[in-house]
Protein backbone atom coordinates (compact mmCIF):
# COMPACT_ATOMS: atom_id res chain seq x y z
CA UNK A 1 65.15 233.08 57.38
CA UNK A 2 63.10 231.95 60.37
CA UNK A 3 62.09 228.30 60.59
CA UNK A 4 58.79 227.54 62.33
CA UNK A 5 59.06 224.70 64.86
CA UNK A 6 55.75 223.17 63.68
CA UNK A 7 52.89 223.88 61.26
CA UNK A 8 49.78 222.42 62.89
CA UNK A 9 47.64 225.22 64.26
CA UNK A 10 46.54 225.09 67.90
CA UNK A 11 42.83 224.80 68.59
CA UNK A 12 42.53 228.52 69.34
CA UNK A 13 43.82 229.54 65.90
CA UNK A 14 42.59 229.67 62.33
CA UNK A 15 43.73 230.68 58.84
CA UNK A 16 42.04 233.81 57.57
CA UNK A 17 42.36 236.73 55.16
CA UNK A 18 42.13 240.12 56.83
CA UNK A 19 40.41 242.76 54.74
CA UNK A 20 41.72 246.33 54.90
CA UNK A 21 41.49 249.55 52.95
CA UNK A 22 44.65 248.40 51.13
CA UNK A 23 43.47 244.92 50.21
CA UNK A 24 43.48 241.51 51.87
CA UNK A 25 46.35 239.93 53.78
CA UNK A 26 46.86 236.25 54.59
CA UNK A 27 46.89 235.72 58.34
CA UNK A 28 46.97 233.29 61.22
CA UNK A 29 44.61 234.45 63.96
CA UNK A 30 44.17 233.24 67.52
CA UNK A 31 41.37 234.08 69.96
CA UNK A 32 41.54 233.97 73.77
CA UNK A 33 39.02 231.77 75.52
CA UNK A 34 38.11 234.32 78.17
CA UNK A 35 38.23 238.09 78.36
CA UNK A 36 40.21 239.90 75.68
CA UNK A 37 42.99 242.09 77.10
CA UNK A 38 44.07 243.47 73.75
CA UNK A 39 45.07 242.67 70.18
CA UNK A 40 48.50 242.05 68.69
CA UNK A 41 49.64 242.53 65.08
CA UNK A 42 52.77 240.49 64.30
CA UNK A 43 54.74 241.47 61.16
CA UNK A 44 57.42 239.08 59.81
CA UNK A 45 60.79 239.86 58.29
CA UNK A 46 62.58 239.44 54.97
CA UNK A 47 61.75 236.04 53.35
CA UNK A 48 59.54 235.29 56.36
CA UNK A 49 55.83 234.71 56.83
CA UNK A 50 53.06 234.53 59.40
CA UNK A 51 54.20 231.01 60.31
CA UNK A 52 57.30 232.48 61.97
CA UNK A 53 54.95 233.35 64.87
CA UNK A 54 52.94 230.11 64.93
CA UNK A 55 54.38 228.99 68.27
CA UNK A 56 53.32 232.28 69.92
CA UNK A 57 49.63 231.94 69.03
CA UNK A 58 48.55 229.63 71.85
CA UNK A 59 50.52 231.18 74.75
CA UNK A 60 49.55 234.74 73.77
CA UNK A 61 45.89 233.76 73.38
CA UNK A 62 46.06 232.04 76.78
CA UNK A 63 47.33 235.34 78.20
CA UNK A 64 44.22 237.09 76.87
CA UNK A 65 45.41 238.53 73.56
CA UNK A 66 43.74 238.32 70.17
CA UNK A 67 46.69 237.63 67.87
CA UNK A 68 46.99 238.32 64.14
CA UNK A 69 50.19 237.25 62.35
CA UNK A 70 50.32 238.26 58.69
CA UNK A 71 52.21 237.72 55.47
CA UNK A 72 53.32 241.12 54.25
CA UNK A 73 52.52 242.19 50.69
CA UNK A 74 54.70 240.12 48.36
CA UNK A 75 55.21 237.32 50.90
CA UNK A 76 53.97 233.75 50.70
CA UNK A 77 50.13 233.65 50.67
CA UNK A 78 49.40 237.38 50.50
CA UNK A 79 51.02 237.86 47.11
CA UNK A 80 51.26 241.14 45.28
CA UNK A 81 51.96 242.89 41.97
CA UNK A 82 55.21 242.98 40.01
CA UNK A 83 55.43 246.74 40.60
CA UNK A 84 58.46 247.54 42.81
CA UNK A 85 56.64 250.59 44.21
CA UNK A 86 54.34 248.23 46.15
CA UNK A 87 57.25 247.04 48.33
CA UNK A 88 58.98 250.19 49.52
CA UNK A 89 59.18 250.49 53.29
CA UNK A 90 56.80 253.45 53.04
CA UNK A 91 54.21 251.38 51.16
CA UNK A 92 54.55 248.43 53.54
CA UNK A 93 54.22 250.82 56.47
CA UNK A 94 50.90 251.99 55.00
CA UNK A 95 49.84 248.34 54.89
CA UNK A 96 50.64 248.00 58.60
CA UNK A 97 48.57 251.09 59.38
CA UNK A 98 45.64 249.66 57.40
CA UNK A 99 45.92 246.32 59.21
CA UNK A 100 46.09 248.02 62.62
CA UNK A 101 43.03 250.11 61.73
CA UNK A 102 41.17 246.91 60.77
CA UNK A 103 42.07 245.23 64.07
CA UNK A 104 41.07 248.30 66.06
CA UNK A 105 37.72 248.37 64.29
CA UNK A 106 37.03 244.82 65.50
CA UNK A 107 36.98 246.09 69.06
CA UNK A 108 39.56 243.70 70.52
CA UNK A 109 41.08 246.24 72.89
CA UNK A 110 44.32 248.16 72.37
CA UNK A 111 46.47 247.08 69.41
CA UNK A 112 50.11 246.21 70.07
CA UNK A 113 52.49 246.37 67.07
CA UNK A 114 55.36 243.90 66.73
CA UNK A 115 57.84 243.70 63.88
CA UNK A 116 60.48 240.98 63.52
CA UNK A 117 63.75 241.72 61.70
CA UNK A 118 62.91 243.64 58.49
CA UNK A 119 59.34 243.76 59.82
CA UNK A 120 60.69 245.88 62.68
CA UNK A 121 61.75 248.55 60.22
CA UNK A 122 58.33 248.35 58.55
CA UNK A 123 56.43 248.93 61.81
CA UNK A 124 58.90 251.70 62.61
CA UNK A 125 57.95 253.33 59.33
CA UNK A 126 54.26 253.01 60.18
CA UNK A 127 54.83 254.84 63.47
CA UNK A 128 56.97 257.55 61.85
CA UNK A 129 54.46 258.16 59.06
CA UNK A 130 51.45 258.38 61.36
CA UNK A 131 51.65 262.12 61.97
CA UNK A 132 50.15 263.92 64.95
CA UNK A 133 46.61 262.50 64.77
CA UNK A 134 45.12 259.49 66.60
CA UNK A 135 46.74 256.09 65.96
CA UNK A 136 45.30 252.59 66.46
CA UNK A 137 48.27 251.14 68.40
CA UNK A 138 49.16 251.24 72.07
CA UNK A 139 52.73 249.88 72.06
CA UNK A 140 55.62 249.01 69.74
CA UNK A 141 57.88 245.95 69.91
CA UNK A 142 61.03 245.70 67.79
CA UNK A 143 62.19 242.08 67.72
CA UNK A 144 65.64 241.13 66.37
CA UNK A 145 65.91 244.30 64.34
CA UNK A 146 68.39 247.14 64.22
CA UNK A 147 68.71 250.86 63.69
CA UNK A 148 69.83 250.78 60.05
CA UNK A 149 71.47 248.47 57.52
CA UNK A 150 72.18 244.84 58.31
CA UNK A 151 75.61 243.60 59.39
CA UNK A 152 78.21 243.80 56.53
CA UNK A 153 78.69 240.06 55.98
CA UNK A 154 74.94 239.53 55.89
CA UNK A 155 74.62 242.50 53.54
CA UNK A 156 77.16 240.87 51.21
CA UNK A 157 75.05 237.69 51.05
CA UNK A 158 71.93 239.74 50.40
CA UNK A 159 73.67 241.58 47.55
CA UNK A 160 74.44 238.21 45.96
CA UNK A 161 70.72 237.46 46.00
CA UNK A 162 69.94 240.86 44.50
CA UNK A 163 72.46 240.19 41.73
CA UNK A 164 70.92 236.88 40.67
CA UNK A 165 67.23 237.73 41.02
CA UNK A 166 67.03 239.29 37.53
CA UNK A 167 68.57 236.23 35.85
CA UNK A 168 67.45 233.22 37.90
CA UNK A 169 64.06 231.90 38.98
CA UNK A 170 63.29 231.49 42.67
CA UNK A 171 63.33 227.72 42.15
CA UNK A 172 66.84 227.89 40.69
CA UNK A 173 68.02 230.13 43.52
CA UNK A 174 66.53 227.70 46.06
CA UNK A 175 68.55 224.82 44.58
CA UNK A 176 71.75 226.85 44.80
CA UNK A 177 71.00 227.73 48.43
CA UNK A 178 70.52 224.05 49.24
CA UNK A 179 73.82 223.16 47.55
CA UNK A 180 75.69 225.86 49.45
CA UNK A 181 74.13 224.73 52.74
CA UNK A 182 75.21 221.16 52.04
CA UNK A 183 78.80 222.30 51.42
CA UNK A 184 78.96 224.61 54.44
CA UNK A 185 81.44 223.68 57.20
CA UNK A 186 78.69 224.65 59.65
CA UNK A 187 76.14 221.83 59.29
CA UNK A 188 72.51 222.92 59.10
CA UNK A 189 69.94 221.22 61.35
CA UNK A 190 67.97 218.46 59.68
CA UNK A 191 64.36 219.61 59.27
CA UNK A 192 61.29 217.42 59.52
CA UNK A 193 60.01 216.65 55.99
CA UNK A 194 56.90 218.80 56.35
CA UNK A 195 58.96 221.77 57.57
CA UNK A 196 61.48 221.38 54.74
CA UNK A 197 58.64 221.24 52.20
CA UNK A 198 57.06 224.34 53.71
CA UNK A 199 60.32 226.31 53.58
CA UNK A 200 60.66 225.49 49.87
CA UNK A 201 57.03 226.32 49.14
CA UNK A 202 57.23 229.61 51.00
CA UNK A 203 60.42 230.65 49.22
CA UNK A 204 59.12 230.12 45.69
CA UNK A 205 55.83 231.88 46.57
CA UNK A 206 57.61 235.19 47.20
CA UNK A 207 57.13 237.94 44.62
CA UNK A 208 60.62 238.57 43.13
CA UNK A 209 60.03 242.33 42.99
CA UNK A 210 59.35 242.24 46.73
CA UNK A 211 62.63 240.47 47.44
CA UNK A 212 64.53 242.96 45.27
CA UNK A 213 63.12 246.06 46.92
CA UNK A 214 63.11 244.85 50.51
CA UNK A 215 66.56 243.27 50.19
CA UNK A 216 67.85 246.51 48.72
CA UNK A 217 66.46 248.36 51.72
CA UNK A 218 68.18 246.05 54.20
CA UNK A 219 71.66 246.61 52.77
CA UNK A 220 71.29 250.41 52.79
CA UNK A 221 68.67 251.23 55.43
CA UNK A 222 69.18 254.60 57.15
CA UNK A 223 69.38 254.88 60.91
CA UNK A 224 66.07 256.49 61.93
CA UNK A 225 66.23 255.79 65.65
CA UNK A 226 66.50 259.46 66.60
CA UNK A 227 63.32 260.19 64.63
CA UNK A 228 61.55 257.25 66.21
CA UNK A 229 62.64 258.31 69.69
CA UNK A 230 61.03 261.70 69.11
CA UNK A 231 57.85 260.12 67.80
CA UNK A 232 57.40 257.68 70.68
CA UNK A 233 58.17 260.39 73.26
CA UNK A 234 55.58 262.67 71.71
CA UNK A 235 52.95 259.95 71.89
CA UNK A 236 54.14 258.44 75.18
CA UNK A 237 54.26 255.15 73.26
CA UNK A 238 55.89 252.29 75.21
CA UNK A 239 58.61 250.47 73.26
CA UNK A 240 60.15 247.04 73.80
CA UNK A 241 63.40 245.99 72.11
CA UNK A 242 63.68 242.19 72.17
CA UNK A 243 66.34 239.87 70.79
CA UNK A 244 68.08 236.59 71.35
CA UNK A 245 71.56 236.33 72.82
CA UNK A 246 73.09 236.23 69.31
CA UNK A 247 72.02 237.63 65.96
CA UNK A 248 73.51 237.35 62.49
CA UNK A 249 71.64 240.36 61.05
CA UNK A 250 72.23 243.09 63.64
CA UNK A 251 74.74 242.61 66.50
CA UNK A 252 73.03 242.24 69.87
CA UNK A 253 75.02 245.14 71.41
CA UNK A 254 73.75 247.35 68.57
CA UNK A 255 70.20 246.37 69.43
CA UNK A 256 70.85 247.15 73.10
CA UNK A 257 72.19 250.55 72.11
CA UNK A 258 69.04 251.17 70.08
CA UNK A 259 66.96 250.41 73.18
CA UNK A 260 68.90 252.99 75.18
CA UNK A 261 68.42 255.60 72.46
CA UNK A 262 64.68 254.90 72.44
CA UNK A 263 64.29 254.78 76.22
CA UNK A 264 62.81 251.33 75.62
CA UNK A 265 62.41 248.27 77.77
CA UNK A 266 65.03 245.67 76.83
CA UNK A 267 64.52 241.88 76.87
CA UNK A 268 67.12 239.30 75.81
CA UNK A 269 65.63 235.82 75.37
CA UNK A 270 68.15 233.27 76.55
CA UNK A 271 69.15 230.31 74.35
CA UNK A 272 67.80 231.96 71.19
CA UNK A 273 69.20 233.67 68.12
CA UNK A 274 67.57 235.76 65.40
CA UNK A 275 64.13 234.15 65.86
CA UNK A 276 63.10 234.07 69.54
CA UNK A 277 59.45 233.56 68.60
CA UNK A 278 60.31 230.27 66.90
CA UNK A 279 63.24 229.18 69.07
CA UNK A 280 61.97 230.04 72.58
CA UNK A 281 58.25 230.76 72.16
CA UNK A 282 57.14 230.25 75.77
CA UNK A 283 59.71 232.69 77.14
CA UNK A 284 59.06 235.14 74.28
CA UNK A 285 55.29 235.07 74.82
CA UNK A 286 55.72 235.57 78.56
CA UNK A 287 57.87 238.66 77.99
CA UNK A 288 55.45 240.08 75.42
CA UNK A 289 52.37 239.55 77.58
CA UNK A 290 54.15 241.15 80.53
CA UNK A 291 55.06 244.19 78.45
CA UNK A 292 51.61 244.57 76.87
CA UNK A 293 49.96 244.18 80.25
C-alpha cells in the first residue's frame, strides 16, 4: 500500500465531498492560483486513498491544473455498502465516469484521467465502457499498473488476505500484518507517528466487501490492453504509462511492454518504486504536467 509522505494539506487544497449521479465521494481538491489549464482526476489503488496523491496537489496546482484526488467507493472516507456488486471493476468504472462528468460540468478545462495501480485498471474500464459517444476526458495516465493480474508472489499474498477476510476483522488482520512486518528480514521504514496512525485508521475504514472483490480482481484480472489500444486509437486519446524503476505488483518491463502495445508515452520516475506520486512527487508532477500540456 502507498504511504503518503505527509498529511498536512498545502494552502491551495481542501477536503471536500464531490457529488455525482452515483453519490458522493471523499476528495482532496487543489485549485491553481492563476489561469486553469485543465482538471485532473486521480484514482488510487487497492487499499489506497486520496492521500496517496497529497504530495502532487501543490505542484500540479502550480502548473495550472485543478486537481481532484478521490477515495474510491469502499475506501477510507467514501465508504460504501456491504453488497459485493458495488465493487466490481465495471461498477467502479461507472463511478469514475460519474466523477469525470462532474468535473467537466464545473468548467475547469479538459479532464485528464489518472489511475494508480488497481486504480489504473478502473480508469481503463471507464474508457472501455464509454462507447462511441462523447466522453469528458482528454487523456489517460496509467501509473504503476499492468495489463492483467498482479505478479504471482504478490497474488499469493493477496489470496492470503482473501482467505482471512471472512473470519477476521480488519483490526485483527492489521495486527497480524504488523507482526509479520516486524519479523521480516527486510526492515520496514519507521513512520512518523501521525503517518503510522493514519495508515491504521485508513486500513480499518475499508469496507471488507470492497477488499474481497477488488483483491479477487487483482489476482485474476484479464489482459485487456488490446481492447484499450483500439479504444484510444478510435478516440485519438493520448496515453501515458508511468512507473518507478522497480515495482512489486507488475514488473517494470511488463509495464513498458504495455506502453508499446498502447502506442503510449512512457515515463520512468527515477529513485521510485510502486508509488512515484508519494516517493518522487516533484518529478512525477513535472512529467504529468508536461504530458497534459
